[in-house]
Amino acid sequence: MMLLLEIASRTAHFPLSFTLVYVVGFIAAITFGSIAWFNSKRPAGWEDKDRPVFVPKVTTESSPPNEPKA
């Protein structure tokens, strides 16, 4: 048992920088995915839902900037 504890204490730990990159990347993916979801055409059952206030409106050349609210 003591041998296993000694081996575990001598092994290198996963660097904090890699962990931070994964966490920040995950948060960025959730943020950009949410913006894309709420600015896309709604799937069945979600047509009458409003976009949350904190999600910015993204306009493209194919969609007019002054769409009437439904």
Foldseek 3Di string as FASTA:
>chain_A
DVVVVVVVVPDDDDDPVVVVVVVVVVVVCVLVVLLPQQQDCDDPPCNLPHRDPPRDHDDDPVDDPDDDDD
